[in-house]
Structures are given as structure tokens and as C-alpha cells.
Amino acid sequence: MNKVTVKLFASLAETEGWRERICEVGNGVTAAALWTIVTGHSQLPPRMLCAINMEYRPLETVLGSGDEVAYFPPVTGG
């Protein structure tokens, strides 16, 4: 099992009602699959961004023990 830290930001944290969790996942779990594990939602929010260990990464990235996974909605500005 791999222990990972999961962080939610902005509206994602508000919707789910939490900002940080530590969980254990099996080998081969991707960031997309982790979303389903920690939220129970099978669908990812549209255009959601993901950072693994403080670097933007694709949601298909396989996670390892000790990884920190942060999910946040797209950033807009003007």
C-alpha cells in the first residue's frame, strides 16, 4: 500500500467539505482513480488541474508512496 496526502483547493474543498486527507492506496493507482477513491465521485470535474509533489501532472500519472496530490479547479484571471 502507498500512503498519499490529498489536498483540495478552492471550490473543490468547499464542495467536498474537507481540504486535506491522508489515505492508503494500492500500487498502480492514478491521480484520476484517487479522485474517485477519496470523493466517491466517478466523474472528474471538468478541466480540473492536478499537481503531484508541487508539479502539474496529467491525471493518468501513477502515484507512489509519499506523494502529495493536489486537486484544484482551473485558474482564471484577467
Protein backbone atom coordinates (compact mmCIF):
# COMPACT_ATOMS: atom_id res chain seq x y z
CA MET A 1 0.00 0.00 0.00
CA ASN A 2 1.08 3.56 -0.75
CA LYS A 3 0.36 6.41 1.66
CA VAL A 4 -0.51 9.65 -0.15
CA THR A 5 -1.59 13.09 1.00
CA VAL A 6 -4.57 14.55 -0.83
CA LYS A 7 -5.32 18.27 -0.86
CA LEU A 8 -8.34 20.06 -2.31
CA PHE A 9 -8.39 23.76 -3.12
CA ALA A 10 -10.98 26.47 -3.77
CA SER A 11 -14.45 25.29 -4.79
CA LEU A 12 -13.42 21.62 -4.69
CA ALA A 13 -12.70 21.87 -0.96
CA GLU A 14 -15.94 23.76 -0.38
CA THR A 15 -17.99 21.18 -2.28
CA GLU A 16 -16.40 18.16 -0.58
CA GLY A 17 -16.24 19.70 2.90
CA TRP A 18 -12.56 18.96 3.55
CA ARG A 19 -9.15 20.28 2.50
CA GLU A 20 -6.63 17.57 3.32
CA ARG A 21 -6.61 13.82 3.92
CA ILE A 22 -4.02 11.09 4.13
CA CYS A 23 -5.02 7.78 2.61
CA GLU A 24 -3.54 4.46 1.60
CA VAL A 25 -3.94 3.21 -1.96
CA GLY A 26 -2.74 0.17 -3.83
CA ASN A 27 0.02 0.03 -6.41
CA GLY A 28 -0.79 1.41 -9.84
CA VAL A 29 -3.40 3.93 -8.69
CA THR A 30 -3.54 7.05 -10.86
CA ALA A 31 -4.41 10.59 -9.79
CA ALA A 32 -7.75 10.20 -11.62
CA ALA A 33 -8.56 6.99 -9.73
CA LEU A 34 -7.53 8.63 -6.45
CA TRP A 35 -10.20 11.29 -7.01
CA THR A 36 -12.84 8.55 -7.10
CA ILE A 37 -11.39 6.86 -4.02
CA VAL A 38 -11.35 9.98 -1.85
CA THR A 39 -14.59 11.60 -3.04
CA GLY A 40 -16.75 8.70 -4.20
CA HIS A 41 -17.45 10.55 -7.47
CA SER A 42 -16.86 8.60 -10.65
CA GLN A 43 -16.67 11.76 -12.77
CA LEU A 44 -13.86 14.27 -12.52
CA PRO A 45 -14.92 17.92 -12.56
CA PRO A 46 -14.37 19.47 -16.00
CA ARG A 47 -10.91 20.93 -16.62
CA MET A 48 -9.71 20.03 -13.12
CA LEU A 49 -5.99 20.53 -12.57
CA CYS A 50 -3.72 18.21 -10.64
CA ALA A 51 -0.32 18.73 -9.07
CA ILE A 52 1.76 15.86 -7.76
CA ASN A 53 4.56 16.87 -5.44
CA MET A 54 4.00 20.52 -6.42
CA GLU A 55 4.31 19.97 -10.19
CA TYR A 56 1.44 19.96 -12.67
CA ARG A 57 0.95 16.39 -13.85
CA PRO A 58 -1.56 14.52 -16.03
CA LEU A 59 -4.37 12.77 -14.19
CA GLU A 60 -3.09 9.48 -15.67
CA THR A 61 0.09 9.73 -13.56
CA VAL A 62 0.64 6.67 -11.35
CA LEU A 63 1.13 7.56 -7.70
CA GLY A 64 3.84 6.36 -5.36
CA SER A 65 4.21 6.21 -1.60
CA GLY A 66 4.69 9.61 -0.02
CA ASP A 67 3.23 11.57 -2.94
CA GLU A 68 1.24 14.72 -2.30
CA VAL A 69 -1.65 15.11 -4.73
CA ALA A 70 -3.40 18.48 -5.02
CA TYR A 71 -6.61 18.98 -7.00
CA PHE A 72 -7.95 22.39 -7.91
CA PRO A 73 -10.31 23.96 -10.42
CA PRO A 74 -8.87 25.84 -13.41
CA VAL A 75 -7.38 29.18 -12.52
CA THR A 76 -8.78 32.17 -14.33
CA GLY A 77 -7.60 35.69 -14.38
CA GLY A 78 -7.66 38.79 -16.39
